[in-house]
């Protein structure tokens, strides 16, 4: 009941602030479950086997492993693996711009509420009965806006950091996988050349 009274005292600006909070929580939950499923599907052994040239494994639910499979299966067409890697990174960054926008908007709405509340208070300085509601609008909207901003910005930073880390890991794994693939290709070419020389001498 106190929360309802608190919201009522916050004025009409509480409506867009609550809308921001709903959008923020929806995105936070969606991103949380995205990363939870992503971590659940990580297959380190499968990645290692693919990097070493085993492409006969069944299709993996680990999206990074599938990128490495594209590197191994298409060594002369790096664009295929790059497109798959970009798709993974694009999915990891989904909604991050929106959640940052919500954080900025909630702060702006909170400050707007402060200005509106102070303006109302200054206009009714001679009427103490109107002074308290005006200050309530100023303080409550500021509190709500800052709380939404802090929560949203914290999770946005966390998700952005995780996406950047994934990008670095994926880049390193792709480089290492290509190196392994080139080493295997060079080894096969050397063996083929050796067999050809042996056949010509015989």
Protein backbone atom coordinates (compact mmCIF):
# COMPACT_ATOMS: atom_id res chain seq x y z
CA UNK A 1 0.00 0.00 0.00
CA UNK A 2 2.87 2.35 0.78
CA UNK A 3 4.28 1.71 -2.71
CA UNK A 4 0.95 2.66 -4.29
CA UNK A 5 0.84 5.89 -2.27
CA UNK A 6 4.45 6.58 -3.18
CA UNK A 7 3.68 6.18 -6.90
CA UNK A 8 0.53 8.33 -6.66
CA UNK A 9 2.52 11.10 -5.02
CA UNK A 10 5.10 10.98 -7.82
CA UNK A 11 2.85 12.63 -10.37
CA UNK A 12 2.16 11.86 -14.00
CA UNK A 13 5.88 11.35 -14.86
CA UNK A 14 5.79 8.07 -12.94
CA UNK A 15 3.93 6.51 -15.90
CA UNK A 16 6.82 6.76 -18.43
CA UNK A 17 9.24 5.84 -15.64
CA UNK A 18 7.30 2.65 -14.92
CA UNK A 19 7.21 1.93 -18.65
CA UNK A 20 11.01 2.26 -18.71
CA UNK A 21 11.29 -0.14 -15.77
CA UNK A 22 9.09 -2.73 -17.53
CA UNK A 23 11.14 -2.50 -20.74
CA UNK A 24 14.40 -2.70 -18.78
CA UNK A 25 13.33 -5.76 -16.76
CA UNK A 26 12.05 -7.53 -19.89
CA UNK A 27 15.38 -7.05 -21.66
CA UNK A 28 17.40 -7.98 -18.57
CA UNK A 29 15.49 -11.24 -18.16
CA UNK A 30 15.77 -12.04 -21.86
CA UNK A 31 19.53 -11.43 -21.85
CA UNK A 32 19.97 -13.37 -18.61
CA UNK A 33 18.31 -16.46 -20.06
CA UNK A 34 20.21 -16.00 -23.34
CA UNK A 35 23.58 -16.18 -21.55
CA UNK A 36 22.38 -18.94 -19.24
CA UNK A 37 21.47 -21.12 -22.25
CA UNK A 38 24.67 -20.09 -24.05
CA UNK A 39 26.82 -21.24 -21.11
CA UNK A 40 24.77 -24.42 -20.73
CA UNK A 41 25.52 -25.39 -24.34
CA UNK A 42 29.27 -24.81 -24.19
CA UNK A 43 31.10 -27.95 -25.38
CA UNK A 44 34.81 -27.52 -24.70
CA UNK A 45 35.72 -31.07 -25.76
CA UNK A 46 33.80 -30.68 -29.01
CA UNK A 47 35.59 -27.40 -29.72
CA UNK A 48 38.97 -29.04 -29.13
CA UNK A 49 38.20 -31.99 -31.40
CA UNK A 50 36.99 -29.70 -34.19
CA UNK A 51 40.09 -27.53 -33.86
CA UNK A 52 42.21 -30.67 -34.28
CA UNK A 53 40.40 -31.52 -37.51
CA UNK A 54 37.56 -33.81 -36.45
CA UNK A 55 34.65 -32.58 -38.58
CA UNK A 56 32.63 -35.80 -38.33
CA UNK A 57 31.03 -34.84 -35.03
CA UNK A 58 27.28 -34.37 -35.00
CA UNK A 59 26.11 -30.77 -35.21
CA UNK A 60 26.77 -29.10 -31.88
CA UNK A 61 24.44 -26.84 -29.92
CA UNK A 62 27.55 -24.86 -28.99
CA UNK A 63 27.52 -21.96 -31.45
CA UNK A 64 31.24 -21.30 -31.05
CA UNK A 65 31.96 -24.92 -32.00
CA UNK A 66 29.90 -24.45 -35.16
CA UNK A 67 31.96 -21.38 -36.08
CA UNK A 68 35.14 -23.43 -35.65
CA UNK A 69 33.62 -26.20 -37.77
CA UNK A 70 33.07 -23.63 -40.55
CA UNK A 71 36.74 -22.61 -40.26
CA UNK A 72 37.89 -26.23 -40.63
CA UNK A 73 35.43 -27.26 -43.33
CA UNK A 74 36.01 -24.16 -45.48
CA UNK A 75 39.70 -23.26 -45.01
CA UNK A 76 39.84 -21.47 -48.38
CA UNK A 77 36.63 -19.51 -47.76
CA UNK A 78 37.14 -17.60 -44.50
CA UNK A 79 34.09 -15.44 -45.20
CA UNK A 80 31.78 -18.36 -44.32
CA UNK A 81 33.20 -18.65 -40.80
CA UNK A 82 33.33 -14.86 -40.47
CA UNK A 83 29.64 -14.55 -41.31
CA UNK A 84 28.76 -17.22 -38.75
CA UNK A 85 30.93 -15.52 -36.13
CA UNK A 86 29.29 -12.17 -36.86
CA UNK A 87 25.88 -13.77 -36.42
CA UNK A 88 26.93 -15.07 -32.99
CA UNK A 89 28.24 -11.67 -31.97
CA UNK A 90 25.14 -9.88 -33.26
CA UNK A 91 22.93 -12.15 -31.15
CA UNK A 92 25.12 -11.54 -28.08
CA UNK A 93 24.69 -7.76 -28.49
CA UNK A 94 20.94 -7.83 -29.11
CA UNK A 95 18.93 -5.14 -27.26
CA UNK A 96 22.04 -3.59 -25.67
CA UNK A 97 21.43 -0.29 -27.44
CA UNK A 98 17.83 -0.33 -26.23
CA UNK A 99 18.75 -1.01 -22.62
CA UNK A 100 21.34 1.81 -22.67
CA UNK A 101 18.71 4.11 -24.16
CA UNK A 102 16.27 3.16 -21.37
CA UNK A 103 18.94 3.93 -18.75
CA UNK A 104 19.54 7.39 -20.23
CA UNK A 105 15.82 8.10 -20.62
CA UNK A 106 15.00 7.10 -17.04
CA UNK A 107 17.65 9.49 -15.72
CA UNK A 108 16.33 12.30 -17.89
CA UNK A 109 12.75 11.67 -16.76
CA UNK A 110 13.87 11.66 -13.12
CA UNK A 111 15.62 15.02 -13.57
CA UNK A 112 12.58 16.38 -15.40
CA UNK A 113 10.44 15.34 -12.44
CA UNK A 114 12.81 17.21 -10.15
CA UNK A 115 12.52 20.39 -12.21
CA UNK A 116 8.73 20.10 -12.44
CA UNK A 117 8.39 19.45 -8.70
CA UNK A 118 10.65 22.35 -7.72
CA UNK A 119 8.81 24.63 -10.14
CA UNK A 120 5.48 23.65 -8.56
CA UNK A 121 6.91 24.25 -5.08
CA UNK A 122 8.23 27.70 -5.98
CA UNK A 123 4.91 28.68 -7.48
CA UNK A 124 3.00 27.73 -4.32
CA UNK A 125 5.39 28.92 -1.60
CA UNK A 126 2.58 30.78 0.12
CA UNK A 127 0.41 27.62 0.30
CA UNK A 128 2.01 24.99 2.61
CA UNK A 129 -0.64 22.42 1.66
CA UNK A 130 0.65 22.41 -1.94
CA UNK A 131 4.32 22.57 -1.03
CA UNK A 132 4.58 18.99 0.25
CA UNK A 133 3.02 17.33 -2.85
CA UNK A 134 5.28 19.39 -5.11
CA UNK A 135 8.41 18.32 -3.24
CA UNK A 136 7.14 14.72 -3.30
CA UNK A 137 6.98 14.88 -7.10
CA UNK A 138 10.53 16.25 -7.24
CA UNK A 139 12.05 13.70 -4.87
CA UNK A 140 10.07 10.60 -5.86
CA UNK A 141 10.66 10.91 -9.60
CA UNK A 142 14.36 11.47 -8.95
CA UNK A 143 14.55 8.36 -6.77
CA UNK A 144 12.65 6.19 -9.27
CA UNK A 145 14.71 7.46 -12.21
CA UNK A 146 18.03 6.85 -10.43
CA UNK A 147 17.04 3.35 -9.26
CA UNK A 148 16.01 2.36 -12.79
CA UNK A 149 19.23 3.86 -14.16
CA UNK A 150 21.50 2.09 -11.67
CA UNK A 151 19.90 -1.32 -12.19
CA UNK A 152 19.72 -0.95 -15.97
CA UNK A 153 23.24 0.43 -16.37
CA UNK A 154 24.72 -2.30 -14.16
CA UNK A 155 23.19 -5.10 -16.20
CA UNK A 156 23.92 -3.34 -19.50
CA UNK A 157 27.60 -3.10 -18.52
CA UNK A 158 27.62 -6.76 -17.48
CA UNK A 159 26.08 -7.95 -20.75
CA UNK A 160 28.34 -5.70 -22.83
CA UNK A 161 31.42 -6.97 -21.00
CA UNK A 162 30.36 -10.58 -21.56
CA UNK A 163 29.75 -9.94 -25.26
CA UNK A 164 33.16 -8.29 -25.67
CA UNK A 165 34.82 -11.20 -23.88
CA UNK A 166 33.03 -13.65 -26.17
CA UNK A 167 34.24 -11.68 -29.19
CA UNK A 168 37.86 -11.84 -28.00
CA UNK A 169 37.64 -15.57 -27.23
CA UNK A 170 36.01 -16.31 -30.58
CA UNK A 171 38.65 -14.35 -32.49
CA UNK A 172 41.49 -16.18 -30.71
CA UNK A 173 39.88 -19.59 -31.28
CA UNK A 174 39.34 -18.87 -34.98
CA UNK A 175 42.96 -17.78 -35.43
CA UNK A 176 44.21 -20.88 -33.63
CA UNK A 177 41.91 -23.17 -35.61
CA UNK A 178 43.07 -21.66 -38.91
CA UNK A 179 46.68 -22.18 -37.83
CA UNK A 180 45.99 -25.85 -37.06
CA UNK A 181 44.22 -26.23 -40.40
CA UNK A 182 47.16 -24.67 -42.28
CA UNK A 183 49.63 -26.91 -40.44
CA UNK A 184 47.62 -29.99 -41.41
CA UNK A 185 47.38 -28.78 -45.00
CA UNK A 186 51.13 -28.16 -45.18
CA UNK A 187 51.81 -31.58 -43.69
CA UNK A 188 49.58 -33.25 -46.29
CA UNK A 189 51.25 -31.31 -49.10
CA UNK A 190 54.71 -32.31 -47.86
CA UNK A 191 53.67 -35.97 -47.69
CA UNK A 192 52.20 -35.80 -51.19
CA UNK A 193 55.39 -34.19 -52.51
CA UNK A 194 57.49 -36.84 -50.80
CA UNK A 195 55.39 -39.62 -52.35
CA UNK A 196 55.69 -38.02 -55.78
CA UNK A 197 59.47 -37.77 -55.44
CA UNK A 198 59.66 -41.36 -54.26
CA UNK A 199 57.53 -42.50 -57.21
CA UNK A 200 59.65 -40.55 -59.71
CA UNK A 201 62.87 -42.07 -58.34
CA UNK A 202 61.49 -45.58 -58.55
